[in-house]
Every structure is written in structure tokens, then in C-alpha cells.
Amino acid sequence: MFPALRQRPPETAIEFFVGRDAHGFWAARGAGGREGGLFVSRDAAMKFVRAARLRGQGVAKDAPTPIELWK
């Protein structure tokens, strides 16, 4: 028998912001800034976020401004 998968409660779920950076590349960045990456398309960025969701790590939101991976 497989052990039950533990999921984070919704209030602690990581949110990912998805948008374009200042150079026009697609980016996904965790709200805490600890996870993320640059992608060739929005679909590729969303695939990254979906994989994080399978690990129980949150949802995607559109970034309101150009997104920065590192500050």
C-alpha cells in the first residue's frame, strides 16, 4: 500500500508569478524568490509551475510588472 501524500495547507502554499522579464523572456518565480527560472514560452513556464503543484507547492499568478528572478 502506498503512503498517503501529504499536501501543504492552502494558506502556506507557494505562489508562482509568471510573466516576462525586462528582456522579453518568460519567467516563473516563487513568491519567496527561492524557486524559478527562465523559459522559452509561457507554456514552458506553466509546465514548471504545474510540476511544482504536483509537489504540493502552490499556484500561478500573472506577474503585474516585468518579473525579476534575482534582485
C-alpha atoms as a PDB file:
ATOM      1  CA  MET A   1       0.000   0.000   0.000  1.00  0.00           C
ATOM      2  CA  PHE A   2       1.263   3.486  -0.846  1.00  0.00           C
ATOM      3  CA  PRO A   3       1.548   6.034   1.962  1.00  0.00           C
ATOM      4  CA  ALA A   4      -0.818   8.973   1.731  1.00  0.00           C
ATOM      5  CA  LEU A   5       0.714  12.027   0.089  1.00  0.00           C
ATOM      6  CA  ARG A   6       0.962  14.973   2.421  1.00  0.00           C
ATOM      7  CA  GLN A   7      -0.117  18.275   0.980  1.00  0.00           C
ATOM      8  CA  ARG A   8       0.537  21.730   2.333  1.00  0.00           C
ATOM      9  CA  PRO A   9      -2.459  23.606   3.640  1.00  0.00           C
ATOM     10  CA  PRO A  10      -3.646  26.310   1.192  1.00  0.00           C
ATOM     11  CA  GLU A  11      -2.587  29.178   3.452  1.00  0.00           C
ATOM     12  CA  THR A  12       1.076  28.094   3.210  1.00  0.00           C
ATOM     13  CA  ALA A  13       1.051  27.207  -0.485  1.00  0.00           C
ATOM     14  CA  ILE A  14       3.778  28.837  -2.550  1.00  0.00           C
ATOM     15  CA  GLU A  15       2.507  31.138  -5.253  1.00  0.00           C
ATOM     16  CA  PHE A  16       4.392  31.478  -8.508  1.00  0.00           C
ATOM     17  CA  PHE A  17       4.382  34.626 -10.573  1.00  0.00           C
ATOM     18  CA  VAL A  18       4.565  34.054 -14.308  1.00  0.00           C
ATOM     19  CA  GLY A  19       5.369  36.820 -16.776  1.00  0.00           C
ATOM     20  CA  ARG A  20       8.029  38.312 -18.999  1.00  0.00           C
ATOM     21  CA  ASP A  21      11.242  39.758 -17.699  1.00  0.00           C
ATOM     22  CA  ALA A  22      12.753  43.076 -18.825  1.00  0.00           C
ATOM     23  CA  HIS A  23      14.359  41.308 -21.820  1.00  0.00           C
ATOM     24  CA  GLY A  24      11.139  39.658 -23.013  1.00  0.00           C
ATOM     25  CA  PHE A  25      11.879  36.132 -21.775  1.00  0.00           C
ATOM     26  CA  TRP A  26       9.175  34.175 -19.966  1.00  0.00           C
ATOM     27  CA  ALA A  27       9.891  33.660 -16.288  1.00  0.00           C
ATOM     28  CA  ALA A  28       8.331  31.886 -13.333  1.00  0.00           C
ATOM     29  CA  ARG A  29       9.345  32.934  -9.834  1.00  0.00           C
ATOM     30  CA  GLY A  30       8.189  31.657  -6.472  1.00  0.00           C
ATOM     31  CA  ALA A  31       6.681  34.383  -4.299  1.00  0.00           C
ATOM     32  CA  GLY A  32       9.529  33.903  -1.820  1.00  0.00           C
ATOM     33  CA  GLY A  33      12.096  34.205  -4.613  1.00  0.00           C
ATOM     34  CA  ARG A  34      13.678  30.831  -3.859  1.00  0.00           C
ATOM     35  CA  GLU A  35      12.441  28.934  -6.930  1.00  0.00           C
ATOM     36  CA  GLY A  36      12.099  29.936 -10.533  1.00  0.00           C
ATOM     37  CA  GLY A  37      13.599  30.043 -13.962  1.00  0.00           C
ATOM     38  CA  LEU A  38      13.601  31.497 -17.464  1.00  0.00           C
ATOM     39  CA  PHE A  39      11.658  29.738 -20.209  1.00  0.00           C
ATOM     40  CA  VAL A  40      11.243  29.923 -23.984  1.00  0.00           C
ATOM     41  CA  SER A  41       7.452  30.170 -23.783  1.00  0.00           C
ATOM     42  CA  ARG A  42       4.590  30.795 -21.367  1.00  0.00           C
ATOM     43  CA  ASP A  43       3.590  27.138 -21.800  1.00  0.00           C
ATOM     44  CA  ALA A  44       7.042  26.018 -20.623  1.00  0.00           C
ATOM     45  CA  ALA A  45       6.823  28.306 -17.569  1.00  0.00           C
ATOM     46  CA  MET A  46       3.374  26.956 -16.735  1.00  0.00           C
ATOM     47  CA  LYS A  47       4.669  23.383 -17.076  1.00  0.00           C
ATOM     48  CA  PHE A  48       7.271  24.234 -14.408  1.00  0.00           C
ATOM     49  CA  VAL A  49       4.512  25.595 -12.150  1.00  0.00           C
ATOM     50  CA  ARG A  50       2.332  22.515 -12.742  1.00  0.00           C
ATOM     51  CA  ALA A  51       5.252  20.300 -11.711  1.00  0.00           C
ATOM     52  CA  ALA A  52       5.580  22.342  -8.515  1.00  0.00           C
ATOM     53  CA  ARG A  53       1.857  21.906  -7.882  1.00  0.00           C
ATOM     54  CA  LEU A  54       2.294  18.134  -8.103  1.00  0.00           C
ATOM     55  CA  ARG A  55       4.783  18.529  -5.246  1.00  0.00           C
ATOM     56  CA  GLY A  56       2.077  20.430  -3.342  1.00  0.00           C
ATOM     57  CA  GLN A  57       3.648  23.833  -3.823  1.00  0.00           C
ATOM     58  CA  GLY A  58       1.014  26.285  -4.907  1.00  0.00           C
ATOM     59  CA  VAL A  59      -0.499  28.094  -7.804  1.00  0.00           C
ATOM     60  CA  ALA A  60       0.472  30.524 -10.572  1.00  0.00           C
ATOM     61  CA  LYS A  61      -0.468  34.177 -10.849  1.00  0.00           C
ATOM     62  CA  ASP A  62       0.268  36.590 -13.669  1.00  0.00           C
ATOM     63  CA  ALA A  63       3.049  38.989 -12.776  1.00  0.00           C
ATOM     64  CA  PRO A  64       1.770  42.596 -12.836  1.00  0.00           C
ATOM     65  CA  THR A  65       5.100  44.118 -13.962  1.00  0.00           C
ATOM     66  CA  PRO A  66       8.234  42.797 -15.630  1.00  0.00           C
ATOM     67  CA  ILE A  67       9.319  39.926 -13.438  1.00  0.00           C
ATOM     68  CA  GLU A  68      12.814  39.709 -11.951  1.00  0.00           C
ATOM     69  CA  LEU A  69      14.312  36.409 -10.875  1.00  0.00           C
ATOM     70  CA  TRP A  70      17.096  37.947  -8.819  1.00  0.00           C
ATOM     71  CA  LYS A  71      17.101  41.292  -7.086  1.00  0.00           C
END
